[in-house]
Amino acid sequence: MEIWQAVILGLVQGLTEFLPVSSSGHIAFFQGIFGISGDDIALFFMILLHLGTLVAVVIVFWRDILDLFKKPFKTLGLLVLATIPAGITGILVEVLDLDGILLARSAMGIVLAVFFLVTATVLFITERIAKSRDNELPLCLKTTLPMGLAQALAVLPGISRSGSTICAGTIAGCKRDEVAKFSFMMSIPVILGSFLVELVLGLHSGEIQQSFSAGGATLGWSVALGFIVSAVSGLFAIKVMLKIIAKANYKWFSLYLVLMSVTCLILHFTYFNV
């Protein structure tokens, strides 16, 4: 992997982690375009990209994060409960090597096309529902549990984490501003947990040490630049997404994902499997 590819992947990760278009789907798409497999990308590089997006969330929502630890800890409790489904599915994905199966080059184009289209459909339906009523429910089990279940489904490449949680909270009737904040804060335990698990496993297996030994200065620059670009673009994406959620204007993302779905189908038969 070249440094310019690392910068592009950092930009893609930062933007698509928070825009409702699926970061995992886009990272897989660009890996396919670049002709590099998951094994070719250093583990430490990929987890640092996710950590960059975590920095963006902390910068924007640091006050809300501090408020989590103030009595009566209601929001913190809801956050913990909403994270459990994603934790369980994350373990299953690792055990079953679901990413390896779904993102195999022979199947990736079809898989991404289907799940991009699913996300596009959900976004379109959510916009129609949001603009037909005024959501007034506060954060509670009735509104946050669906968001947690939606986040668990977002382990599938092409299913947007931010998009699915925002849609679930909106359809459940929660106030848009509260849905937005809670959705972004839901990313914190998921990203942090994934980072810690992959870091420990990578160090234990020696994969991280081996990657740096083989990659040298090029990997070092790739990690540093990818992290910075991911954090900065993630910060931009959050700011943009907060404005979009307030207006419930998702149709352009739906259209974009339909075009991505068609593109993935074309590339599946003309490039990915050639």
Protein backbone atom coordinates (compact mmCIF):
# COMPACT_ATOMS: atom_id res chain seq x y z
CA MET A 1 0.00 0.00 0.00
CA GLU A 2 1.32 3.39 -1.05
CA ILE A 3 1.17 6.54 1.10
CA TRP A 4 -1.34 8.19 -1.28
CA GLN A 5 -3.60 5.17 -0.89
CA ALA A 6 -3.36 5.50 2.89
CA VAL A 7 -4.42 9.15 2.67
CA ILE A 8 -7.41 8.27 0.50
CA LEU A 9 -8.46 5.46 2.84
CA GLY A 10 -8.15 7.84 5.81
CA LEU A 11 -10.38 10.35 4.02
CA VAL A 12 -12.90 7.67 3.12
CA GLN A 13 -12.97 6.28 6.66
CA GLY A 14 -13.42 9.70 8.28
CA LEU A 15 -16.23 10.81 5.98
CA THR A 16 -18.16 7.55 5.72
CA GLU A 17 -18.00 6.65 9.42
CA PHE A 18 -20.51 9.41 10.16
CA LEU A 19 -22.24 10.09 6.85
CA PRO A 20 -24.98 7.45 6.34
CA VAL A 21 -23.21 5.53 3.56
CA SER A 22 -21.23 2.76 5.39
CA SER A 23 -17.52 3.10 6.13
CA SER A 24 -16.88 -0.65 5.98
CA GLY A 25 -18.54 -0.86 2.58
CA HIS A 26 -16.55 2.05 1.17
CA ILE A 27 -13.23 0.82 2.60
CA ALA A 28 -13.87 -2.58 0.99
CA PHE A 29 -14.85 -0.87 -2.28
CA PHE A 30 -11.64 1.17 -2.44
CA GLN A 31 -9.54 -1.84 -1.46
CA GLY A 32 -11.06 -3.58 -4.46
CA ILE A 33 -10.36 -0.59 -6.70
CA PHE A 34 -6.74 -0.39 -5.50
CA GLY A 35 -6.33 -4.13 -5.90
CA ILE A 36 -5.22 -4.70 -2.31
CA SER A 37 -6.63 -7.33 0.03
CA GLY A 38 -7.31 -6.99 3.72
CA ASP A 39 -4.19 -9.04 4.38
CA ASP A 40 -2.10 -6.44 2.55
CA ILE A 41 -3.23 -3.63 4.85
CA ALA A 42 -1.45 -3.48 8.16
CA LEU A 43 -3.75 -4.20 11.09
CA PHE A 44 -2.37 -1.27 13.05
CA PHE A 45 -3.13 1.09 10.16
CA MET A 46 -6.79 0.07 10.01
CA ILE A 47 -7.40 0.37 13.75
CA LEU A 48 -5.68 3.76 13.79
CA LEU A 49 -8.10 4.99 11.12
CA HIS A 50 -10.99 4.08 13.42
CA LEU A 51 -9.25 5.77 16.33
CA GLY A 52 -9.02 8.93 14.24
CA THR A 53 -12.80 9.01 13.89
CA LEU A 54 -13.10 8.48 17.64
CA VAL A 55 -11.01 11.62 18.19
CA ALA A 56 -13.49 13.54 16.01
CA VAL A 57 -16.44 12.40 18.16
CA VAL A 58 -14.68 13.39 21.37
CA ILE A 59 -13.84 16.87 20.02
CA VAL A 60 -17.47 17.58 19.06
CA PHE A 61 -19.26 15.92 21.98
CA TRP A 62 -16.82 16.26 24.88
CA ARG A 63 -19.38 18.06 27.05
CA ASP A 64 -22.00 15.39 26.41
CA ILE A 65 -19.43 12.70 27.15
CA LEU A 66 -18.63 14.28 30.53
CA ASP A 67 -22.36 14.54 31.28
CA LEU A 68 -22.63 10.75 30.91
CA PHE A 69 -20.87 10.39 34.27
CA LYS A 70 -23.19 12.71 36.18
CA LYS A 71 -26.10 11.41 38.25
CA PRO A 72 -28.54 9.82 37.63
CA PHE A 73 -26.44 8.18 34.82
CA LYS A 74 -29.56 7.57 32.70
CA THR A 75 -27.91 8.25 29.35
CA LEU A 76 -24.85 6.20 30.32
CA GLY A 77 -27.09 3.25 31.19
CA LEU A 78 -28.95 3.53 27.90
CA LEU A 79 -25.63 3.72 26.06
CA VAL A 80 -24.37 0.55 27.72
CA LEU A 81 -27.58 -1.34 26.90
CA ALA A 82 -27.58 -0.09 23.31
CA THR A 83 -23.97 -1.26 22.84
CA ILE A 84 -24.56 -4.87 23.95
CA PRO A 85 -26.10 -6.10 20.65
CA ALA A 86 -23.18 -4.70 18.64
CA GLY A 87 -20.72 -6.32 21.03
CA ILE A 88 -22.36 -9.72 20.59
CA THR A 89 -22.49 -9.49 16.80
CA GLY A 90 -18.91 -8.21 16.71
CA ILE A 91 -17.76 -11.38 18.49
CA LEU A 92 -19.76 -13.56 16.09
CA VAL A 93 -18.24 -11.78 13.08
CA GLU A 94 -14.73 -12.52 14.38
CA VAL A 95 -15.50 -16.14 15.24
CA LEU A 96 -17.26 -16.89 11.95
CA ASP A 97 -14.86 -14.74 9.89
CA LEU A 98 -17.91 -13.13 8.30
CA ASP A 99 -15.90 -10.32 6.72
CA GLY A 100 -13.63 -12.84 5.04
CA ILE A 101 -16.64 -14.60 3.54
CA LEU A 102 -18.67 -11.55 2.47
CA LEU A 103 -15.71 -9.51 1.25
CA ALA A 104 -13.97 -12.24 -0.71
CA ARG A 105 -13.16 -10.77 -4.11
CA SER A 106 -15.46 -13.30 -5.81
CA ALA A 107 -18.49 -12.08 -3.83
CA MET A 108 -17.67 -8.53 -2.74
CA GLY A 109 -19.32 -6.68 -5.64
CA ILE A 110 -22.67 -8.44 -5.20
CA VAL A 111 -22.59 -8.16 -1.40
CA LEU A 112 -21.84 -4.43 -1.44
CA ALA A 113 -24.44 -3.78 -4.14
CA VAL A 114 -27.17 -5.48 -2.08
CA PHE A 115 -26.35 -3.84 1.24
CA PHE A 116 -25.79 -0.37 -0.26
CA LEU A 117 -29.25 -0.70 -1.77
CA VAL A 118 -30.71 -1.76 1.59
CA THR A 119 -29.22 1.31 3.27
CA ALA A 120 -30.53 3.56 0.47
CA THR A 121 -34.04 2.17 0.91
CA VAL A 122 -34.04 2.62 4.68
CA LEU A 123 -32.81 6.21 4.37
CA PHE A 124 -35.52 7.03 1.83
CA ILE A 125 -38.28 5.54 3.99
CA THR A 126 -36.96 7.32 7.10
CA GLU A 127 -37.03 10.72 5.38
CA ARG A 128 -40.65 10.21 4.37
CA ILE A 129 -41.61 9.21 7.91
CA ALA A 130 -39.64 12.03 9.57
CA LYS A 131 -41.24 14.71 7.40
CA SER A 132 -44.76 13.40 8.01
CA ARG A 133 -44.71 13.80 11.80
CA ASP A 134 -43.09 15.57 14.73
CA ASN A 135 -40.96 13.26 16.88
CA GLU A 136 -41.35 14.11 20.56
CA LEU A 137 -40.14 11.07 22.51
CA PRO A 138 -37.03 11.49 24.70
CA LEU A 139 -34.14 9.04 24.96
CA CYS A 140 -35.54 5.92 26.63
CA LEU A 141 -35.52 2.16 26.14
CA LYS A 142 -38.27 2.46 23.53
CA THR A 143 -36.09 4.70 21.35
CA THR A 144 -32.53 3.57 22.13
CA LEU A 145 -33.03 -0.21 22.02
CA PRO A 146 -33.98 -0.11 18.31
CA MET A 147 -30.87 2.01 17.73
CA GLY A 148 -28.75 -0.63 19.46
CA LEU A 149 -30.24 -3.43 17.36
CA ALA A 150 -29.70 -1.38 14.21
CA GLN A 151 -26.05 -0.82 15.14
CA ALA A 152 -25.64 -4.57 15.50
CA LEU A 153 -26.82 -5.06 11.90
CA ALA A 154 -24.30 -2.49 10.73
CA VAL A 155 -21.49 -5.04 11.04
CA LEU A 156 -22.54 -6.05 7.53
CA PRO A 157 -20.45 -4.22 4.90
CA GLY A 158 -22.64 -1.69 3.11
CA ILE A 159 -25.02 -1.22 6.04
CA SER A 160 -24.28 2.21 7.49
CA ARG A 161 -23.78 2.35 11.27
CA SER A 162 -24.69 6.01 11.60
CA GLY A 163 -27.46 5.72 9.02
CA SER A 164 -29.08 2.66 10.58
CA THR A 165 -28.98 4.01 14.15
CA ILE A 166 -30.31 7.43 13.13
CA CYS A 167 -33.08 5.83 11.07
CA ALA A 168 -34.02 3.45 13.90
CA GLY A 169 -34.21 6.26 16.46
CA THR A 170 -36.19 8.48 14.10
CA ILE A 171 -38.68 5.75 13.20
CA ALA A 172 -39.05 4.97 16.93
CA GLY A 173 -40.18 8.58 17.43
CA CYS A 174 -37.21 10.08 19.25
CA LYS A 175 -36.41 13.80 18.95
CA ARG A 176 -34.00 14.39 16.09
CA ASP A 177 -31.38 16.30 18.10
CA GLU A 178 -31.27 13.58 20.74
CA VAL A 179 -31.08 10.86 18.08
CA ALA A 180 -28.11 12.64 16.50
CA LYS A 181 -26.10 12.99 19.71
CA PHE A 182 -26.87 9.48 20.92
CA SER A 183 -26.02 7.93 17.55
CA PHE A 184 -22.60 9.56 17.48
CA MET A 185 -21.90 8.69 21.12
CA MET A 186 -22.88 5.09 20.38
CA SER A 187 -19.85 4.95 18.12
CA ILE A 188 -17.47 5.58 21.04
CA PRO A 189 -17.69 2.19 22.84
CA VAL A 190 -17.85 0.32 19.53
CA ILE A 191 -14.79 2.02 18.04
CA LEU A 192 -12.84 1.97 21.30
CA GLY A 193 -13.73 -1.65 22.02
CA SER A 194 -12.75 -2.71 18.50
CA PHE A 195 -9.49 -0.78 18.78
CA LEU A 196 -8.50 -2.38 22.10
CA VAL A 197 -9.43 -5.92 21.03
CA GLU A 198 -7.58 -5.68 17.69
CA LEU A 199 -4.59 -4.02 19.35
CA VAL A 200 -4.26 -6.76 21.98
CA LEU A 201 -4.76 -9.54 19.42
CA GLY A 202 -2.33 -7.90 16.99
CA LEU A 203 0.38 -7.51 19.63
CA HIS A 204 -0.17 -11.03 20.95
CA SER A 205 0.05 -12.61 17.50
CA GLY A 206 3.00 -10.43 16.52
CA GLU A 207 1.15 -9.15 13.43
CA ILE A 208 1.59 -5.49 14.36
CA GLN A 209 5.32 -5.89 15.05
CA GLN A 210 5.73 -7.82 11.80
CA SER A 211 3.86 -5.14 9.85
CA PHE A 212 6.12 -2.36 11.12
CA SER A 213 9.21 -4.47 10.54
CA ALA A 214 8.21 -5.10 6.94
CA GLY A 215 6.66 -1.70 6.22
CA GLY A 216 9.33 0.52 7.71
CA ALA A 217 9.12 4.28 7.17
CA THR A 218 6.40 3.93 4.52
CA LEU A 219 4.05 2.26 6.99
CA GLY A 220 4.92 4.87 9.62
CA TRP A 221 3.96 7.73 7.30
CA SER A 222 0.86 5.84 6.19
CA VAL A 223 -0.30 5.37 9.78
CA ALA A 224 0.38 9.00 10.76
CA LEU A 225 -1.22 10.59 7.70
CA GLY A 226 -4.15 8.16 7.65
CA PHE A 227 -4.89 8.91 11.31
CA ILE A 228 -4.77 12.69 10.83
CA VAL A 229 -6.88 12.67 7.66
CA SER A 230 -9.41 10.33 9.27
CA ALA A 231 -9.79 12.60 12.31
CA VAL A 232 -10.10 15.83 10.31
CA SER A 233 -12.53 14.42 7.74
CA GLY A 234 -14.51 12.75 10.53
CA LEU A 235 -14.87 16.11 12.27
CA PHE A 236 -16.17 17.63 9.03
CA ALA A 237 -18.61 14.73 8.49
CA ILE A 238 -20.10 15.08 11.99
CA LYS A 239 -20.72 18.80 11.51
CA VAL A 240 -22.40 18.16 8.16
CA MET A 241 -24.46 15.25 9.48
CA LEU A 242 -25.84 17.23 12.43
CA LYS A 243 -27.32 19.76 9.98
CA ILE A 244 -28.70 17.00 7.75
CA ILE A 245 -30.40 15.21 10.65
CA ALA A 246 -32.08 18.43 11.77
CA LYS A 247 -33.75 18.65 8.34
CA ALA A 248 -34.15 14.88 7.85
CA ASN A 249 -32.83 15.30 4.32
CA TYR A 250 -31.49 11.88 3.35
CA LYS A 251 -32.66 11.51 -0.27
CA TRP A 252 -29.34 12.56 -1.80
CA PHE A 253 -27.54 9.88 0.21
CA SER A 254 -30.14 7.38 -0.99
CA LEU A 255 -29.49 8.35 -4.59
CA TYR A 256 -25.72 8.18 -4.06
CA LEU A 257 -26.00 4.68 -2.58
CA VAL A 258 -28.16 3.50 -5.48
CA LEU A 259 -25.44 4.70 -7.85
CA MET A 260 -22.80 2.95 -5.71
CA SER A 261 -24.87 -0.24 -5.82
CA VAL A 262 -25.02 -0.12 -9.64
CA THR A 263 -21.28 0.64 -9.79
CA CYS A 264 -20.48 -2.35 -7.57
CA LEU A 265 -22.54 -4.63 -9.81
CA ILE A 266 -20.75 -3.39 -12.93
CA LEU A 267 -17.31 -3.75 -11.33
CA HIS A 268 -18.19 -7.21 -10.03
CA PHE A 269 -18.51 -8.51 -13.57
CA THR A 270 -15.84 -6.35 -15.22
CA TYR A 271 -13.05 -5.75 -12.69
CA PHE A 272 -13.22 -7.39 -9.26
CA ASN A 273 -13.32 -10.93 -10.65
CA VAL A 274 -11.02 -10.40 -13.62
